[in-house]
Protein backbone atom coordinates (compact mmCIF):
# COMPACT_ATOMS: atom_id res chain seq x y z
CA MET A 1 10.14 2.30 -0.19
CA VAL A 2 8.48 3.18 3.11
CA PRO A 3 6.84 6.40 1.84
CA TYR A 4 5.18 4.45 -0.98
CA VAL A 5 3.90 1.75 1.36
CA ARG A 6 2.45 4.43 3.65
CA LYS A 7 0.79 6.11 0.67
CA SER A 8 -0.69 2.81 -0.47
CA PHE A 9 -1.83 2.00 3.07
CA TYR A 10 -3.58 5.37 3.37
CA LYS A 11 -5.37 4.79 0.06
CA HIS A 12 -6.65 1.38 1.23
CA PHE A 13 -7.51 2.77 4.67
CA LYS A 14 -9.74 5.44 3.13
CA ASP A 15 -11.47 2.76 1.04
CA GLY A 16 -11.92 0.64 4.17
CA LEU A 17 -13.50 3.55 6.01
CA LYS A 18 -15.86 4.23 3.14
CA TYR A 19 -16.98 0.70 2.29
CA ILE A 20 -16.53 -1.31 5.49
CA GLU A 21 -17.28 1.16 8.26
CA ASP A 22 -19.56 3.54 6.31
CA ASN A 23 -17.47 6.40 7.61
CA THR A 24 -15.70 8.99 5.50
CA GLU A 25 -14.23 11.09 8.29
CA CYS A 26 -10.70 10.51 9.44
CA SER A 27 -8.45 12.63 11.63
CA ILE A 28 -5.48 11.84 9.36
CA SER A 29 -5.06 14.00 6.30
CA LYS A 30 -3.28 12.91 3.14
CA GLU A 31 -0.36 15.22 3.94
CA ASN A 32 0.02 13.83 7.47
CA ALA A 33 -0.24 10.21 6.32
CA LYS A 34 3.32 10.21 4.99
CA ASP A 35 4.68 10.97 8.48
CA ILE A 36 2.49 8.62 10.52
CA SER A 37 3.29 4.94 11.03
CA ILE A 38 0.71 2.43 9.86
CA GLU A 39 0.82 1.05 13.42
CA SER A 40 -0.37 4.39 14.81
CA GLN A 41 -3.31 4.53 17.21
CA GLU A 42 -4.92 7.09 14.90
CA TYR A 43 -5.39 4.33 12.34
CA LYS A 44 -6.22 1.62 14.87
CA LYS A 45 -9.23 3.57 16.12
CA HIS A 46 -10.99 2.13 13.07
CA GLU A 47 -10.08 -1.52 13.55
CA LYS A 48 -11.88 -3.05 10.55
CA ALA A 49 -10.62 -0.43 8.11
CA TRP A 50 -7.10 -0.78 9.54
CA LYS A 51 -7.11 -4.57 9.10
CA TYR A 52 -8.45 -4.23 5.55
CA ALA A 53 -5.79 -1.65 4.66
CA LEU A 54 -3.02 -3.77 6.19
CA ASP A 55 -4.11 -6.87 4.25
CA MET A 56 -4.47 -5.02 0.96
CA THR A 57 -1.14 -3.22 1.36
CA THR A 58 0.63 -6.49 2.16
CA LYS A 59 -0.92 -8.13 -0.89
CA GLU A 60 -0.02 -5.18 -3.12
CA THR A 61 3.57 -5.08 -1.87
CA TYR A 62 4.10 -8.82 -2.43
CA GLN A 63 2.68 -8.50 -5.93
CA ALA A 64 5.04 -5.61 -6.71
CA VAL A 65 8.05 -7.60 -5.50
CA GLU A 66 7.00 -10.62 -7.57
CA GLY A 67 6.74 -8.39 -10.63
CA LEU A 68 10.20 -7.00 -9.96
CA PHE A 69 11.68 -10.51 -9.61
CA HIS A 70 10.02 -11.60 -12.84
CA ASN A 71 11.36 -8.60 -14.74
CA LEU A 72 14.86 -9.03 -13.36
CA ASN A 73 14.91 -12.74 -14.19
CA SER A 74 13.66 -12.22 -17.73
CA LEU A 75 16.40 -9.66 -18.50
CA GLN A 76 19.03 -12.42 -18.66
CA SER A 77 17.21 -14.29 -21.42
CA ARG A 78 16.95 -11.30 -23.76
CA SER A 79 19.55 -10.36 -26.29
CA GLY A 80 21.07 -6.90 -25.92
CA ASN A 81 19.46 -5.41 -29.02
CA GLN A 82 15.94 -6.05 -27.71
CA LEU A 83 16.37 -3.93 -24.60
CA ASN A 84 14.96 -0.42 -24.91
């Protein structure tokens, strides 16, 4: 799951740079983002964008887990012939 969280964080970080800090340049490329921790100093150089990306990634991850729980709980109430 970690690679997907890093990918999501990078997406939100780029948005934070663009809309919060009016900066589109970042020393981290998309290819390098999958190997760099979200706690890296490279990200923390842009404090506002980093905080935004952290908040949005946390929110997105919680929402994904809630969706998974809902789907798993609703499987018990279905009859077998309705599952595809």
